[in-house]
Amino acid sequence: MAHRGGDKAKAGFYWHAAGWEIVTLSGKGGTLPGTDAERYRRLPTLAMLLLAPVMGGLFVVFLPFIGFAMLIGHLGALVARRLRRVMARIVASMHRPRHA
């Protein structure tokens, strides 16, 4: 059953696919965050009870890889910045008039 941001909904778990997040409404329910353009799907509680340990396990397994990916991305950005500066100096030196 699809819901939109701003809708009143029963207590439970709601998947917001665009933001890759799970919104929880407790007690007697409440209002889903966001605008009318945002869509949510209600997730069965049993599915959440089964998926939560799996999601936690996957997070623990992939956390080191996420760290390495962030490190490589940061180093790549540093190298790209340095290369841009070097190339800018080379181009600038090619356009300078030479005096004899």
C-alpha atoms as a PDB file:
ATOM      1  CA  MET A   1       0.000   0.000   0.000  1.00  0.00           C
ATOM      2  CA  ALA A   2       1.548   3.306  -1.093  1.00  0.00           C
ATOM      3  CA  HIS A   3       1.504   6.439   1.024  1.00  0.00           C
ATOM      4  CA  ARG A   4       2.689   9.984   0.345  1.00  0.00           C
ATOM      5  CA  GLY A   5       4.572  12.470   2.456  1.00  0.00           C
ATOM      6  CA  GLY A   6       2.199  14.381   4.719  1.00  0.00           C
ATOM      7  CA  ASP A   7      -0.297  11.481   4.888  1.00  0.00           C
ATOM      8  CA  LYS A   8      -1.546  10.299   8.253  1.00  0.00           C
ATOM      9  CA  ALA A   9      -0.582   6.663   8.709  1.00  0.00           C
ATOM     10  CA  LYS A  10      -0.836   3.862  11.256  1.00  0.00           C
ATOM     11  CA  ALA A  11       2.095   2.936  13.464  1.00  0.00           C
ATOM     12  CA  GLY A  12       4.680   0.823  11.681  1.00  0.00           C
ATOM     13  CA  PHE A  13       7.656   0.853   9.361  1.00  0.00           C
ATOM     14  CA  TYR A  14       7.599   2.806   6.085  1.00  0.00           C
ATOM     15  CA  TRP A  15      10.202   2.551   3.320  1.00  0.00           C
ATOM     16  CA  HIS A  16      11.162   5.806   1.571  1.00  0.00           C
ATOM     17  CA  ALA A  17      12.895   4.509  -1.560  1.00  0.00           C
ATOM     18  CA  ALA A  18      14.029   7.896  -2.865  1.00  0.00           C
ATOM     19  CA  GLY A  19      15.947   8.603   0.340  1.00  0.00           C
ATOM     20  CA  TRP A  20      16.894   4.978   1.075  1.00  0.00           C
ATOM     21  CA  GLU A  21      15.535   5.262   4.589  1.00  0.00           C
ATOM     22  CA  ILE A  22      13.051   3.589   6.858  1.00  0.00           C
ATOM     23  CA  VAL A  23      10.666   5.851   8.740  1.00  0.00           C
ATOM     24  CA  THR A  24       9.065   4.514  11.903  1.00  0.00           C
ATOM     25  CA  LEU A  25       5.796   5.716  13.320  1.00  0.00           C
ATOM     26  CA  SER A  26       5.101   4.553  16.844  1.00  0.00           C
ATOM     27  CA  GLY A  27       2.157   4.674  19.219  1.00  0.00           C
ATOM     28  CA  LYS A  28      -1.051   5.433  17.376  1.00  0.00           C
ATOM     29  CA  GLY A  29       0.755   6.484  14.226  1.00  0.00           C
ATOM     30  CA  GLY A  30       1.424   9.919  12.871  1.00  0.00           C
ATOM     31  CA  THR A  31       2.204  11.911   9.777  1.00  0.00           C
ATOM     32  CA  LEU A  32       4.787  10.776   7.235  1.00  0.00           C
ATOM     33  CA  PRO A  33       7.507  13.377   6.634  1.00  0.00           C
ATOM     34  CA  GLY A  34       8.011  15.183   3.357  1.00  0.00           C
ATOM     35  CA  THR A  35       5.874  16.561   0.572  1.00  0.00           C
ATOM     36  CA  ASP A  36       3.109  15.068  -1.521  1.00  0.00           C
ATOM     37  CA  ALA A  37       5.722  14.100  -4.143  1.00  0.00           C
ATOM     38  CA  GLU A  38       7.485  11.669  -1.790  1.00  0.00           C
ATOM     39  CA  ARG A  39       6.197   8.098  -1.673  1.00  0.00           C
ATOM     40  CA  TYR A  40       6.378   5.518   1.087  1.00  0.00           C
ATOM     41  CA  ARG A  41       5.577   1.815   1.254  1.00  0.00           C
ATOM     42  CA  ARG A  42       4.459   0.198   4.480  1.00  0.00           C
ATOM     43  CA  LEU A  43       6.663  -2.710   5.525  1.00  0.00           C
ATOM     44  CA  PRO A  44       5.272  -5.601   7.551  1.00  0.00           C
ATOM     45  CA  THR A  45       6.666  -5.771  11.080  1.00  0.00           C
ATOM     46  CA  LEU A  46       7.602  -9.440  10.667  1.00  0.00           C
ATOM     47  CA  ALA A  47       9.667  -8.585   7.583  1.00  0.00           C
ATOM     48  CA  MET A  48      11.514  -5.902   9.545  1.00  0.00           C
ATOM     49  CA  LEU A  49      12.237  -8.322  12.381  1.00  0.00           C
ATOM     50  CA  LEU A  50      13.758 -10.754   9.879  1.00  0.00           C
ATOM     51  CA  LEU A  51      15.591  -8.157   7.778  1.00  0.00           C
ATOM     52  CA  ALA A  52      17.140  -6.104  10.599  1.00  0.00           C
ATOM     53  CA  PRO A  53      19.800  -8.701  11.586  1.00  0.00           C
ATOM     54  CA  VAL A  54      20.606  -9.342   7.917  1.00  0.00           C
ATOM     55  CA  MET A  55      21.030  -5.625   7.224  1.00  0.00           C
ATOM     56  CA  GLY A  56      23.212  -5.241  10.329  1.00  0.00           C
ATOM     57  CA  GLY A  57      25.372  -8.179   9.278  1.00  0.00           C
ATOM     58  CA  LEU A  58      25.826  -6.789   5.775  1.00  0.00           C
ATOM     59  CA  PHE A  59      26.816  -3.433   7.240  1.00  0.00           C
ATOM     60  CA  VAL A  60      29.489  -5.077   9.414  1.00  0.00           C
ATOM     61  CA  VAL A  61      30.827  -7.130   6.492  1.00  0.00           C
ATOM     62  CA  PHE A  62      30.997  -4.228   4.026  1.00  0.00           C
ATOM     63  CA  LEU A  63      32.149  -1.480   6.423  1.00  0.00           C
ATOM     64  CA  PRO A  64      35.878  -2.078   5.741  1.00  0.00           C
ATOM     65  CA  PHE A  65      35.245  -1.928   1.981  1.00  0.00           C
ATOM     66  CA  ILE A  66      33.337   1.317   2.413  1.00  0.00           C
ATOM     67  CA  GLY A  67      36.322   2.746   4.289  1.00  0.00           C
ATOM     68  CA  PHE A  68      38.755   1.692   1.561  1.00  0.00           C
ATOM     69  CA  ALA A  69      36.477   3.132  -1.133  1.00  0.00           C
ATOM     70  CA  MET A  70      36.302   6.466   0.706  1.00  0.00           C
ATOM     71  CA  LEU A  71      40.104   6.528   1.110  1.00  0.00           C
ATOM     72  CA  ILE A  72      40.695   5.756  -2.579  1.00  0.00           C
ATOM     73  CA  GLY A  73      38.148   8.412  -3.583  1.00  0.00           C
ATOM     74  CA  HIS A  74      39.848  11.007  -1.379  1.00  0.00           C
ATOM     75  CA  LEU A  75      43.313  10.168  -2.733  1.00  0.00           C
ATOM     76  CA  GLY A  76      41.967  10.269  -6.288  1.00  0.00           C
ATOM     77  CA  ALA A  77      40.537  13.747  -5.671  1.00  0.00           C
ATOM     78  CA  LEU A  78      43.904  14.942  -4.317  1.00  0.00           C
ATOM     79  CA  VAL A  79      45.751  13.595  -7.368  1.00  0.00           C
ATOM     80  CA  ALA A  80      43.207  15.166  -9.739  1.00  0.00           C
ATOM     81  CA  ARG A  81      43.579  18.564  -8.022  1.00  0.00           C
ATOM     82  CA  ARG A  82      47.375  18.416  -8.271  1.00  0.00           C
ATOM     83  CA  LEU A  83      47.214  17.398 -11.938  1.00  0.00           C
ATOM     84  CA  ARG A  84      44.886  20.327 -12.668  1.00  0.00           C
ATOM     85  CA  ARG A  85      47.366  22.759 -11.071  1.00  0.00           C
ATOM     86  CA  VAL A  86      50.299  21.305 -13.024  1.00  0.00           C
ATOM     87  CA  MET A  87      48.360  21.414 -16.293  1.00  0.00           C
ATOM     88  CA  ALA A  88      47.296  25.012 -15.601  1.00  0.00           C
ATOM     89  CA  ARG A  89      50.955  25.995 -15.091  1.00  0.00           C
ATOM     90  CA  ILE A  90      51.984  24.236 -18.303  1.00  0.00           C
ATOM     91  CA  VAL A  91      49.237  25.942 -20.305  1.00  0.00           C
ATOM     92  CA  ALA A  92      50.071  29.320 -18.748  1.00  0.00           C
ATOM     93  CA  SER A  93      53.767  28.926 -19.582  1.00  0.00           C
ATOM     94  CA  MET A  94      52.921  28.105 -23.208  1.00  0.00           C
ATOM     95  CA  HIS A  95      50.996  31.365 -23.605  1.00  0.00           C
ATOM     96  CA  ARG A  96      53.681  33.657 -22.180  1.00  0.00           C
ATOM     97  CA  PRO A  97      55.415  35.809 -24.736  1.00  0.00           C
ATOM     98  CA  ARG A  98      59.123  35.017 -25.085  1.00  0.00           C
ATOM     99  CA  HIS A  99      61.614  37.850 -25.161  1.00  0.00           C
ATOM    100  CA  ALA A 100      64.779  37.512 -27.189  1.00  0.00           C
END
